[in-house]
Amino acid sequence: MLDSIVANAADDDYSVTIQTMRHGAERTLPAVIDRMQRQPVDGVIVVLEERISDFVGYKPPRELPVVLICESAADHCPTVDADQYGCSTAIVDYLMSKGHKTVYHIAGPSTSRAAESRARGWREALEQMGARVPSMYIGDWCADSGYQAGVALVHDPDCTAIYAANDQMAYGAMLGLQSAGKRVPEDVSIVGVDDSLVDMVPRLNLTTMKLRFDDIGVTAFSMVRRQCEGEKIPVGVKTVIPPELIERGSVRDIS
């Protein structure tokens, strides 16, 4: 996402200054924007993955275009993000269409807005189908937490399909299952999210829902540049970038 923002900015003769939002007293939108305003910037893009206390009702300075990359629409700023909720409902639909009776979920951390929406989409998709909603495992986006969930799920005979909220946890779950003698996809099917392990894991066999981070970055930069040029961008709605299912070999049709 950042690579896309930087590349598109360069194409339009803009440069990019990057600052991180650290935990503590300055972890508010006004504090972050104030820090950026002290620098010679024309606009600000905030990548807001975790919950922040002053999100609702935040009003950016009139003279500074602000765009939020976040899960929820903001009343006073243009927002853009992937379809986190729809990503989950599509994965559940996909796995259920392969004959699985339910889908187990390894969620991201409770502080994550994206993880919250993905878990809600998973739960509500199962409920709408009249399927049993299994207990949810909460991870931390890292492969080790997926591994621990995979080891635990080995002992559940009803677990034939797992949806992990990102590829790292999905890959960890694959290794955890395999360490205990389960085969993927012969015994358990697994789907991840992000398509983030390409070129990192050799012979990657993980089916995943690709979130188009490049397109999110392109859209966010376009929004802030157009505001810099005087255009009004709608607020109170989120521009949604749809995901794309990438089928590899970690899902088995058991219907």
Protein backbone atom coordinates (compact mmCIF):
# COMPACT_ATOMS: atom_id res chain seq x y z
CA MET A 1 0.00 0.00 0.00
CA LEU A 2 2.77 2.42 0.95
CA ASP A 3 4.75 1.49 -2.16
CA SER A 4 1.71 2.35 -4.28
CA ILE A 5 1.21 5.71 -2.55
CA VAL A 6 4.88 6.63 -2.93
CA ALA A 7 5.02 5.57 -6.60
CA ASN A 8 1.88 7.48 -7.55
CA ALA A 9 3.03 10.55 -5.64
CA ALA A 10 6.33 10.48 -7.52
CA ASP A 11 4.49 10.21 -10.84
CA ASP A 12 2.70 13.48 -10.00
CA ASP A 13 5.84 15.21 -8.67
CA TYR A 14 4.87 14.88 -5.01
CA SER A 15 7.19 13.56 -2.32
CA VAL A 16 6.06 11.54 0.69
CA THR A 17 6.86 11.95 4.38
CA ILE A 18 6.04 8.91 6.54
CA GLN A 19 5.45 9.00 10.28
CA THR A 20 4.22 6.22 12.55
CA MET A 21 1.44 6.41 15.12
CA ARG A 22 2.90 5.18 18.37
CA HIS A 23 0.99 4.03 21.43
CA GLY A 24 0.58 6.64 24.15
CA ALA A 25 -0.65 10.18 24.64
CA GLU A 26 -0.17 11.19 20.99
CA ARG A 27 -2.24 8.32 19.62
CA THR A 28 -5.12 10.53 18.50
CA LEU A 29 -6.03 11.89 15.09
CA PRO A 30 -5.60 15.57 16.11
CA ALA A 31 -2.13 14.81 17.50
CA VAL A 32 -1.09 12.96 14.35
CA ILE A 33 -2.41 15.63 12.00
CA ASP A 34 -0.81 18.35 14.13
CA ARG A 35 2.56 16.62 13.80
CA MET A 36 2.14 16.47 10.04
CA GLN A 37 1.06 20.12 9.82
CA ARG A 38 4.38 21.17 11.31
CA GLN A 39 5.99 19.88 8.13
CA PRO A 40 5.65 21.29 4.61
CA VAL A 41 2.88 18.93 3.49
CA ASP A 42 -0.07 19.57 1.15
CA GLY A 43 -2.21 16.68 2.39
CA VAL A 44 -2.23 13.67 4.73
CA ILE A 45 -3.17 10.01 4.29
CA VAL A 46 -3.71 8.17 7.58
CA VAL A 47 -3.56 4.37 7.51
CA LEU A 48 -5.77 3.58 10.49
CA GLU A 49 -5.75 -0.15 11.20
CA GLU A 50 -6.42 -0.16 14.95
CA ARG A 51 -9.24 1.44 16.88
CA ILE A 52 -8.61 5.01 17.97
CA SER A 53 -10.68 6.81 20.60
CA ASP A 54 -11.45 10.03 18.71
CA PHE A 55 -12.31 8.51 15.32
CA VAL A 56 -16.01 9.38 15.57
CA GLY A 57 -16.56 13.09 15.12
CA TYR A 58 -13.00 13.98 14.15
CA LYS A 59 -12.85 17.08 11.93
CA PRO A 60 -9.68 17.74 9.95
CA PRO A 61 -8.34 21.28 9.56
CA ARG A 62 -10.08 23.18 6.76
CA GLU A 63 -6.79 24.01 5.08
CA LEU A 64 -5.38 20.47 5.06
CA PRO A 65 -6.82 17.63 2.90
CA VAL A 66 -6.99 14.39 4.91
CA VAL A 67 -7.85 10.88 3.66
CA LEU A 68 -8.30 7.89 5.95
CA ILE A 69 -7.54 4.32 4.94
CA CYS A 70 -9.76 2.54 7.43
CA GLU A 71 -12.60 0.09 7.83
CA SER A 72 -15.36 2.54 8.77
CA ALA A 73 -16.65 5.59 6.93
CA ALA A 74 -15.84 8.91 8.62
CA ASP A 75 -18.28 11.81 8.80
CA HIS A 76 -15.69 14.48 7.96
CA CYS A 77 -12.98 12.72 5.91
CA PRO A 78 -12.98 10.69 2.70
CA THR A 79 -12.20 7.03 3.47
CA VAL A 80 -11.09 4.04 1.43
CA ASP A 81 -10.33 0.43 2.27
CA ALA A 82 -10.80 -3.16 1.22
CA ASP A 83 -14.15 -4.89 1.77
CA GLN A 84 -13.20 -6.61 5.02
CA TYR A 85 -16.73 -7.81 5.81
CA GLY A 86 -17.47 -8.96 2.25
CA CYS A 87 -14.13 -10.74 2.13
CA SER A 88 -15.31 -12.98 4.98
CA THR A 89 -18.78 -13.66 3.63
CA ALA A 90 -17.26 -14.63 0.27
CA ILE A 91 -14.81 -17.05 1.94
CA VAL A 92 -17.57 -18.68 3.98
CA ASP A 93 -19.76 -18.99 0.88
CA TYR A 94 -16.85 -20.51 -1.03
CA LEU A 95 -16.02 -23.11 1.63
CA MET A 96 -19.66 -24.03 2.22
CA SER A 97 -20.12 -24.50 -1.53
CA LYS A 98 -17.37 -27.13 -1.33
CA GLY A 99 -19.53 -29.23 0.99
CA HIS A 100 -18.20 -28.19 4.40
CA LYS A 101 -20.82 -28.08 7.15
CA THR A 102 -19.27 -25.11 8.93
CA VAL A 103 -16.12 -22.97 8.91
CA TYR A 104 -13.74 -22.40 11.83
CA HIS A 105 -12.15 -18.96 12.16
CA ILE A 106 -8.73 -17.80 13.35
CA ALA A 107 -9.27 -14.09 13.94
CA GLY A 108 -6.82 -11.22 14.15
CA PRO A 109 -6.22 -9.27 17.38
CA SER A 110 -9.16 -7.63 19.14
CA THR A 111 -7.61 -4.17 18.69
CA SER A 112 -7.86 -4.43 14.90
CA ARG A 113 -10.82 -2.86 13.10
CA ALA A 114 -10.22 -5.10 10.07
CA ALA A 115 -10.11 -8.25 12.23
CA GLU A 116 -13.36 -7.22 13.89
CA SER A 117 -15.14 -6.78 10.55
CA ARG A 118 -13.75 -10.04 9.17
CA ALA A 119 -14.93 -11.93 12.27
CA ARG A 120 -18.36 -10.34 12.05
CA GLY A 121 -18.65 -11.27 8.36
CA TRP A 122 -17.67 -14.87 9.14
CA ARG A 123 -20.18 -15.18 11.98
CA GLU A 124 -23.09 -13.56 10.18
CA ALA A 125 -22.49 -15.54 6.98
CA LEU A 126 -22.72 -18.81 8.94
CA GLU A 127 -25.80 -17.62 10.80
CA GLN A 128 -27.55 -16.66 7.56
CA MET A 129 -26.90 -20.16 6.21
CA GLY A 130 -28.19 -21.79 9.37
CA ALA A 131 -24.78 -23.35 10.04
CA ARG A 132 -23.23 -23.91 13.44
CA VAL A 133 -20.89 -21.10 14.53
CA PRO A 134 -17.81 -22.71 16.14
CA SER A 135 -15.71 -21.13 18.84
CA MET A 136 -13.36 -18.52 17.42
CA TYR A 137 -9.61 -18.57 17.91
CA ILE A 138 -7.97 -15.15 18.36
CA GLY A 139 -4.48 -14.73 16.97
CA ASP A 140 -2.09 -11.81 16.58
CA TRP A 141 -1.54 -11.79 12.77
CA CYS A 142 1.66 -13.85 13.24
CA ALA A 143 2.27 -17.39 12.00
CA ASP A 144 2.98 -18.75 15.49
CA SER A 145 -0.55 -17.93 16.68
CA GLY A 146 -1.95 -19.71 13.63
CA TYR A 147 0.28 -22.68 14.38
CA GLN A 148 -1.10 -22.94 17.93
CA ALA A 149 -4.67 -22.75 16.62
CA GLY A 150 -3.91 -25.45 14.05
CA VAL A 151 -2.51 -27.75 16.74
CA ALA A 152 -5.61 -27.19 18.89
CA LEU A 153 -8.03 -27.80 16.01
CA VAL A 154 -6.45 -31.17 15.22
CA HIS A 155 -8.49 -32.59 18.09
CA ASP A 156 -11.85 -31.32 16.76
CA PRO A 157 -13.35 -33.99 14.48
CA ASP A 158 -15.87 -31.50 13.06
CA CYS A 159 -13.17 -29.17 11.76
CA THR A 160 -12.89 -29.69 8.00
CA ALA A 161 -12.49 -26.03 6.98
CA ILE A 162 -10.55 -23.13 8.49
CA TYR A 163 -10.66 -19.47 7.51
CA ALA A 164 -7.69 -17.54 8.92
CA ALA A 165 -7.88 -13.74 8.93
CA ASN A 166 -4.49 -13.39 7.22
CA ASP A 167 -2.06 -15.54 5.27
CA GLN A 168 0.57 -15.70 8.02
CA MET A 169 -1.87 -17.29 10.46
CA ALA A 170 -3.27 -19.53 7.71
CA TYR A 171 0.21 -20.80 6.85
CA GLY A 172 0.98 -21.31 10.54
CA ALA A 173 -2.25 -23.29 10.92
CA MET A 174 -1.25 -25.49 7.97
CA LEU A 175 2.04 -26.30 9.68
CA GLY A 176 0.31 -26.90 13.01
CA LEU A 177 -2.14 -29.34 11.48
CA GLN A 178 0.60 -31.12 9.55
CA SER A 179 2.77 -31.44 12.67
CA ALA A 180 -0.04 -33.46 14.26
CA GLY A 181 -0.59 -35.70 11.27
CA LYS A 182 -3.40 -33.86 9.45
CA ARG A 183 -3.18 -33.23 5.72
CA VAL A 184 -4.14 -30.04 3.89
CA PRO A 185 -6.46 -30.13 2.01
CA GLU A 186 -7.24 -33.87 2.25
CA ASP A 187 -8.30 -33.63 5.92
CA VAL A 188 -8.73 -29.90 6.46
CA SER A 189 -9.21 -27.07 3.97
CA ILE A 190 -7.68 -23.65 4.71
CA VAL A 191 -8.21 -20.18 3.25
CA GLY A 192 -6.24 -17.06 4.20
CA VAL A 193 -6.49 -13.35 3.41
CA ASP A 194 -4.06 -10.86 1.82
CA ASP A 195 -2.11 -12.95 -0.71
CA SER A 196 0.95 -11.64 1.14
CA LEU A 197 3.19 -14.73 1.00
CA VAL A 198 3.84 -14.76 -2.74
CA ASP A 199 7.60 -14.68 -3.41
CA MET A 200 8.22 -15.38 0.29
CA VAL A 201 7.10 -19.02 0.66
CA PRO A 202 8.36 -21.50 -1.94
CA ARG A 203 5.74 -23.62 -3.70
CA LEU A 204 2.97 -21.68 -1.98
CA ASN A 205 -0.21 -23.76 -2.02
CA LEU A 206 -2.50 -21.49 0.01
CA THR A 207 -5.86 -20.40 -1.35
CA THR A 208 -6.45 -16.81 -0.28
CA MET A 209 -8.63 -13.77 -0.69
CA LYS A 210 -6.38 -11.12 -2.18
CA LEU A 211 -6.85 -7.60 -0.86
CA ARG A 212 -5.77 -5.19 -3.56
CA PHE A 213 -3.45 -2.99 -1.50
CA ASP A 214 -1.99 -1.37 -4.62
CA ASP A 215 -5.45 -0.16 -5.66
CA ILE A 216 -6.15 1.12 -2.14
CA GLY A 217 -2.94 3.15 -2.26
CA VAL A 218 -3.74 4.50 -5.74
CA THR A 219 -7.23 5.53 -4.65
CA ALA A 220 -6.05 7.15 -1.40
CA PHE A 221 -3.42 9.22 -3.18
CA SER A 222 -5.90 10.23 -5.89
CA MET A 223 -8.33 11.39 -3.21
CA VAL A 224 -5.79 13.56 -1.44
CA ARG A 225 -4.32 14.97 -4.67
CA ARG A 226 -7.75 15.90 -6.01
CA GLN A 227 -8.50 17.75 -2.77
CA CYS A 228 -5.19 19.59 -3.07
CA GLU A 229 -6.38 20.71 -6.50
CA GLY A 230 -9.66 22.04 -5.05
CA GLU A 231 -12.00 19.13 -5.75
CA LYS A 232 -14.56 18.09 -3.13
CA ILE A 233 -14.48 14.38 -2.26
CA PRO A 234 -17.61 12.85 -0.65
CA VAL A 235 -17.41 12.15 3.08
CA GLY A 236 -19.56 9.86 5.23
CA VAL A 237 -19.12 6.97 2.78
CA LYS A 238 -16.27 4.52 2.30
CA THR A 239 -14.82 3.79 -1.12
CA VAL A 240 -14.61 0.00 -1.17
CA ILE A 241 -11.96 -1.89 -3.12
CA PRO A 242 -13.32 -5.43 -3.75
CA PRO A 243 -11.14 -8.48 -2.97
CA GLU A 244 -10.21 -11.25 -5.40
CA LEU A 245 -10.23 -14.99 -4.65
CA ILE A 246 -6.93 -16.66 -5.55
CA GLU A 247 -7.44 -20.43 -5.75
CA ARG A 248 -4.39 -22.58 -5.22
CA GLY A 249 -4.49 -26.01 -3.59
CA SER A 250 -5.46 -25.75 0.07
CA VAL A 251 -9.21 -26.35 -0.34
CA ARG A 252 -10.86 -29.70 -1.03
CA ASP A 253 -14.37 -30.20 -2.41
CA ILE A 254 -16.06 -32.77 -0.13
CA SER A 255 -19.60 -32.39 -1.46
